[in-house]
Amino acid sequence: MVAALPVTADAAPTAVAATGLDVEAIESRVERSLVKKVRRLIDDFPERALDVVRGWIAEDR
């Protein structure tokens, strides 16, 4: 049996209430993980990272 979620007139149930998961916390962890991986790639391959940035700049011109 699934319990009904309380809903007020001014707000819908949050993702936490609806699923038991804190979606914002999960998204924050994923973002931190991606930043860490990108930082590691830049540290390991600085010349390639610079080539990528230069390519992005050239696309904007």
C-alpha atoms as a PDB file:
ATOM      1  CA  MET A   1       0.000   0.000   0.000  1.00  0.00           C
ATOM      2  CA  VAL A   2       1.364   3.437  -0.976  1.00  0.00           C
ATOM      3  CA  ALA A   3       0.713   6.337   1.350  1.00  0.00           C
ATOM      4  CA  ALA A   4      -0.688   9.499  -0.169  1.00  0.00           C
ATOM      5  CA  LEU A   5       1.633  12.474  -0.210  1.00  0.00           C
ATOM      6  CA  PRO A   6       0.380  15.704   1.331  1.00  0.00           C
ATOM      7  CA  VAL A   7       0.024  18.477  -1.217  1.00  0.00           C
ATOM      8  CA  THR A   8      -0.542  22.106  -0.361  1.00  0.00           C
ATOM      9  CA  ALA A   9      -2.221  24.566  -2.681  1.00  0.00           C
ATOM     10  CA  ASP A  10       1.020  26.471  -3.258  1.00  0.00           C
ATOM     11  CA  ALA A  11       3.457  23.589  -3.797  1.00  0.00           C
ATOM     12  CA  ALA A  12       3.669  20.157  -5.341  1.00  0.00           C
ATOM     13  CA  PRO A  13       5.347  17.279  -3.488  1.00  0.00           C
ATOM     14  CA  THR A  14       9.114  17.515  -3.676  1.00  0.00           C
ATOM     15  CA  ALA A  15      11.313  14.898  -5.259  1.00  0.00           C
ATOM     16  CA  VAL A  16      12.437  13.855  -1.797  1.00  0.00           C
ATOM     17  CA  ALA A  17       8.870  13.316  -0.610  1.00  0.00           C
ATOM     18  CA  ALA A  18       7.805  11.569  -3.794  1.00  0.00           C
ATOM     19  CA  THR A  19      10.740   9.178  -4.161  1.00  0.00           C
ATOM     20  CA  GLY A  20      12.624   9.199  -0.892  1.00  0.00           C
ATOM     21  CA  LEU A  21      15.669  10.465  -2.805  1.00  0.00           C
ATOM     22  CA  ASP A  22      17.274  13.873  -2.483  1.00  0.00           C
ATOM     23  CA  VAL A  23      17.628  14.658  -6.179  1.00  0.00           C
ATOM     24  CA  GLU A  24      19.480  17.924  -5.579  1.00  0.00           C
ATOM     25  CA  ALA A  25      22.089  16.167  -3.435  1.00  0.00           C
ATOM     26  CA  ILE A  26      22.550  13.480  -6.080  1.00  0.00           C
ATOM     27  CA  GLU A  27      22.915  16.087  -8.828  1.00  0.00           C
ATOM     28  CA  SER A  28      25.439  17.969  -6.703  1.00  0.00           C
ATOM     29  CA  ARG A  29      27.527  14.808  -6.191  1.00  0.00           C
ATOM     30  CA  VAL A  30      27.429  13.996  -9.900  1.00  0.00           C
ATOM     31  CA  GLU A  31      28.511  17.535 -10.763  1.00  0.00           C
ATOM     32  CA  ARG A  32      31.401  17.415  -8.278  1.00  0.00           C
ATOM     33  CA  SER A  33      32.467  14.066  -9.707  1.00  0.00           C
ATOM     34  CA  LEU A  34      32.433  15.416 -13.266  1.00  0.00           C
ATOM     35  CA  VAL A  35      34.448  18.472 -12.261  1.00  0.00           C
ATOM     36  CA  LYS A  36      36.990  16.212 -10.542  1.00  0.00           C
ATOM     37  CA  LYS A  37      37.312  14.058 -13.685  1.00  0.00           C
ATOM     38  CA  VAL A  38      37.715  17.092 -15.947  1.00  0.00           C
ATOM     39  CA  ARG A  39      40.331  18.557 -13.598  1.00  0.00           C
ATOM     40  CA  ARG A  40      42.220  15.249 -13.699  1.00  0.00           C
ATOM     41  CA  LEU A  41      42.086  15.160 -17.517  1.00  0.00           C
ATOM     42  CA  ILE A  42      43.395  18.721 -17.719  1.00  0.00           C
ATOM     43  CA  ASP A  43      46.222  17.898 -15.308  1.00  0.00           C
ATOM     44  CA  ASP A  44      47.126  14.716 -17.208  1.00  0.00           C
ATOM     45  CA  PHE A  45      46.771  16.157 -20.728  1.00  0.00           C
ATOM     46  CA  PRO A  46      47.304  19.940 -20.575  1.00  0.00           C
ATOM     47  CA  GLU A  47      48.220  20.335 -24.251  1.00  0.00           C
ATOM     48  CA  ARG A  48      45.143  18.438 -25.417  1.00  0.00           C
ATOM     49  CA  ALA A  49      42.964  20.468 -23.034  1.00  0.00           C
ATOM     50  CA  LEU A  50      44.383  23.664 -24.500  1.00  0.00           C
ATOM     51  CA  ASP A  51      43.657  22.392 -28.027  1.00  0.00           C
ATOM     52  CA  VAL A  52      40.028  21.773 -27.026  1.00  0.00           C
ATOM     53  CA  VAL A  53      39.646  25.280 -25.570  1.00  0.00           C
ATOM     54  CA  ARG A  54      41.242  26.809 -28.660  1.00  0.00           C
ATOM     55  CA  GLY A  55      38.792  24.842 -30.811  1.00  0.00           C
ATOM     56  CA  TRP A  56      35.851  26.205 -28.817  1.00  0.00           C
ATOM     57  CA  ILE A  57      37.165  29.737 -29.225  1.00  0.00           C
ATOM     58  CA  ALA A  58      37.626  29.243 -32.964  1.00  0.00           C
ATOM     59  CA  GLU A  59      34.010  28.022 -33.276  1.00  0.00           C
ATOM     60  CA  ASP A  60      32.753  31.284 -31.765  1.00  0.00           C
ATOM     61  CA  ARG A  61      34.561  33.452 -34.292  1.00  0.00           C
END
